[in-house]
Protein backbone atom coordinates (compact mmCIF):
# COMPACT_ATOMS: atom_id res chain seq x y z
CA UNK A 1 0.00 0.00 0.00
CA UNK A 2 1.25 3.48 -0.86
CA UNK A 3 1.69 5.93 2.00
CA UNK A 4 0.30 9.07 0.33
CA UNK A 5 1.02 11.27 3.37
CA UNK A 6 4.76 11.07 2.73
CA UNK A 7 4.16 13.17 -0.41
CA UNK A 8 2.72 16.01 1.68
CA UNK A 9 6.28 17.11 2.46
CA UNK A 10 8.00 19.19 -0.22
CA UNK A 11 11.20 17.16 0.13
CA UNK A 12 9.43 14.03 -1.16
CA UNK A 13 6.88 15.73 -3.42
CA UNK A 14 9.31 17.78 -5.54
CA UNK A 15 11.37 14.83 -6.80
CA UNK A 16 8.18 12.98 -7.81
CA UNK A 17 6.79 16.09 -9.51
CA UNK A 18 10.08 16.60 -11.34
CA UNK A 19 9.95 13.06 -12.74
CA UNK A 20 6.33 13.50 -13.84
CA UNK A 21 6.78 16.80 -15.73
CA UNK A 22 7.99 15.27 -19.04
CA UNK A 23 5.15 12.72 -18.97
CA UNK A 24 2.49 15.37 -18.42
CA UNK A 25 3.98 17.74 -21.03
CA UNK A 26 3.97 14.95 -23.61
CA UNK A 27 0.40 13.95 -22.81
CA UNK A 28 -0.77 17.57 -22.87
CA UNK A 29 0.88 18.23 -26.24
CA UNK A 30 -0.53 15.09 -27.85
CA UNK A 31 -4.04 15.47 -26.47
CA UNK A 32 -4.09 19.21 -27.21
CA UNK A 33 -3.02 18.66 -30.82
CA UNK A 34 -5.62 15.93 -31.33
CA UNK A 35 -8.35 18.07 -29.77
CA UNK A 36 -7.51 21.11 -31.88
CA UNK A 37 -7.36 19.00 -35.05
CA UNK A 38 -10.79 17.49 -34.37
CA UNK A 39 -12.35 20.82 -33.43
CA UNK A 40 -11.02 22.78 -36.39
CA UNK A 41 -10.93 20.18 -39.18
CA UNK A 42 -13.24 17.25 -38.32
CA UNK A 43 -16.23 18.85 -36.57
CA UNK A 44 -18.88 20.04 -39.03
CA UNK A 45 -19.80 23.69 -39.46
CA UNK A 46 -22.73 24.82 -37.32
CA UNK A 47 -25.88 25.55 -39.33
CA UNK A 48 -26.80 28.75 -37.44
CA UNK A 49 -23.47 30.14 -36.23
CA UNK A 50 -21.24 29.18 -39.16
CA UNK A 51 -17.50 28.86 -38.58
CA UNK A 52 -17.59 31.32 -35.68
CA UNK A 53 -18.78 28.66 -33.30
CA UNK A 54 -15.40 26.89 -33.39
CA UNK A 55 -14.08 29.31 -30.76
CA UNK A 56 -16.32 27.37 -28.36
CA UNK A 57 -13.85 24.46 -28.57
CA UNK A 58 -11.34 26.67 -26.76
CA UNK A 59 -13.76 28.78 -24.72
CA UNK A 60 -15.65 26.00 -22.93
CA UNK A 61 -12.58 23.97 -21.85
CA UNK A 62 -10.92 27.20 -20.63
CA UNK A 63 -14.02 28.01 -18.56
CA UNK A 64 -14.21 24.53 -17.07
CA UNK A 65 -10.48 24.47 -16.36
CA UNK A 66 -10.62 27.81 -14.54
CA UNK A 67 -13.45 26.52 -12.35
CA UNK A 68 -11.72 23.17 -11.79
CA UNK A 69 -8.48 24.85 -10.75
CA UNK A 70 -10.36 27.00 -8.26
CA UNK A 71 -12.00 23.86 -6.84
CA UNK A 72 -8.55 22.30 -6.46
CA UNK A 73 -7.33 25.48 -4.76
CA UNK A 74 -10.27 25.33 -2.35
CA UNK A 75 -9.48 21.67 -1.63
CA UNK A 76 -5.83 22.44 -0.87
CA UNK A 77 -6.88 25.44 1.21
CA UNK A 78 -9.19 23.26 3.26
CA UNK A 79 -6.37 20.75 3.77
CA UNK A 80 -4.07 23.58 4.74
CA UNK A 81 -6.49 24.93 7.32
CA UNK A 82 -7.17 21.44 8.65
CA UNK A 83 -3.66 19.96 8.78
CA UNK A 84 -1.53 23.14 8.54
CA UNK A 85 0.71 21.75 5.79
CA UNK A 86 3.19 23.93 3.90
CA UNK A 87 2.57 22.04 0.68
CA UNK A 88 -1.03 23.22 0.53
CA UNK A 89 0.05 26.86 0.42
CA UNK A 90 2.64 26.07 -2.22
CA UNK A 91 0.08 24.22 -4.34
CA UNK A 92 -2.57 26.94 -4.16
CA UNK A 93 -0.12 29.75 -4.87
CA UNK A 94 1.23 27.79 -7.84
CA UNK A 95 -2.28 27.06 -9.18
CA UNK A 96 -3.59 30.63 -8.96
CA UNK A 97 -1.74 32.13 -11.97
CA UNK A 98 -2.80 29.24 -14.19
CA UNK A 99 -6.40 29.56 -13.04
CA UNK A 100 -6.33 33.30 -13.66
CA UNK A 101 -4.95 32.68 -17.14
CA UNK A 102 -7.75 30.24 -17.94
CA UNK A 103 -10.37 32.63 -16.53
CA UNK A 104 -8.97 35.42 -18.71
CA UNK A 105 -8.86 33.09 -21.73
CA UNK A 106 -12.48 32.16 -21.07
CA UNK A 107 -13.59 35.79 -20.92
CA UNK A 108 -11.53 36.75 -23.98
CA UNK A 109 -12.73 33.87 -26.17
CA UNK A 110 -16.27 34.48 -24.95
CA UNK A 111 -16.02 38.06 -26.15
CA UNK A 112 -14.62 36.90 -29.49
CA UNK A 113 -17.59 34.55 -29.85
CA UNK A 114 -20.13 37.04 -28.48
CA UNK A 115 -19.38 39.87 -30.89
CA UNK A 116 -20.51 38.09 -34.08
CA UNK A 117 -23.27 36.11 -32.34
CA UNK A 118 -24.79 38.77 -30.06
CA UNK A 119 -23.45 41.91 -31.69
CA UNK A 120 -21.66 42.97 -28.48
CA UNK A 121 -18.30 42.18 -26.91
CA UNK A 122 -19.80 42.09 -23.42
CA UNK A 123 -23.26 41.78 -21.93
CA UNK A 124 -23.81 41.96 -18.19
CA UNK A 125 -25.50 38.61 -17.79
CA UNK A 126 -25.04 36.38 -14.75
CA UNK A 127 -22.57 33.91 -16.23
CA UNK A 128 -20.23 36.51 -17.69
CA UNK A 129 -20.28 38.59 -14.54
CA UNK A 130 -19.72 35.61 -12.23
CA UNK A 131 -16.84 34.44 -14.45
CA UNK A 132 -15.35 37.92 -14.21
CA UNK A 133 -15.70 37.69 -10.42
CA UNK A 134 -13.83 34.37 -10.57
CA UNK A 135 -10.96 36.06 -12.41
CA UNK A 136 -10.96 38.83 -9.78
CA UNK A 137 -10.82 36.17 -7.05
CA UNK A 138 -7.73 34.70 -8.67
CA UNK A 139 -6.13 38.14 -8.93
CA UNK A 140 -7.07 38.94 -5.33
CA UNK A 141 -5.62 35.64 -4.15
CA UNK A 142 -2.31 36.38 -5.86
CA UNK A 143 -2.38 39.93 -4.50
CA UNK A 144 -2.68 38.58 -0.94
CA UNK A 145 0.44 36.47 -1.42
CA UNK A 146 2.27 39.50 -2.82
CA UNK A 147 1.07 41.93 -0.15
CA UNK A 148 1.71 39.92 3.02
CA UNK A 149 5.41 39.34 3.61
CA UNK A 150 5.17 36.62 6.25
CA UNK A 151 4.47 33.37 4.32
CA UNK A 152 2.53 31.62 7.11
CA UNK A 153 0.20 34.58 7.61
CA UNK A 154 -0.22 35.07 3.85
CA UNK A 155 -1.12 31.40 3.49
CA UNK A 156 -3.73 31.59 6.26
CA UNK A 157 -5.44 34.67 4.81
CA UNK A 158 -5.28 33.29 1.27
CA UNK A 159 -6.80 29.97 2.38
CA UNK A 160 -9.79 31.74 3.87
CA UNK A 161 -10.23 33.85 0.73
CA UNK A 162 -10.06 30.74 -1.46
CA UNK A 163 -12.68 28.95 0.63
CA UNK A 164 -15.02 31.94 0.75
CA UNK A 165 -14.56 32.49 -2.98
CA UNK A 166 -15.53 28.87 -3.62
CA UNK A 167 -19.14 30.02 -3.24
CA UNK A 168 -18.78 31.59 -6.70
CA UNK A 169 -18.18 28.24 -8.48
CA UNK A 170 -21.81 27.01 -8.28
CA UNK A 171 -22.93 30.52 -9.18
CA UNK A 172 -20.88 30.37 -12.40
CA UNK A 173 -22.14 26.88 -13.19
CA UNK A 174 -25.86 27.39 -12.51
CA UNK A 175 -26.21 31.08 -13.41
CA UNK A 176 -27.82 30.32 -16.76
CA UNK A 177 -30.44 28.11 -15.15
CA UNK A 178 -31.24 30.72 -12.50
């Protein structure tokens, strides 16, 4: 049986992560290339939206990834508050820039899709606004780490912000239905 708790220490986690980087880069490149090929060359043209709908193949995964990364950040923040591990702060602070990038990519590709479909770059509907709030939560999280010099105190404040901000994830998901 594998003792997973031994990987909660950076001294044992970093070597494992270092060995896994080439594997994950290779998988990401292969799967990304296959996905882009299928979305741009295999998928048929939409009858109502024409070729402009293809941006959805980038927009939707970016939106889901930004929400997923925030869920992972909330998970690590909860672990950090519960067990007071240093790795949880490292993980969340490392995830935040990537999540912010995906949130920005989601908003940007949504605007690129929205202009030809709706005639406007931005409309203040619930999903767009809640996704913008998610991007602001990422930026605020990173700002906390930058503003508080003591790492332990910065981690504690950032964990609370991440957990409180988690309330926004169901709002993003279900905003269209509401």
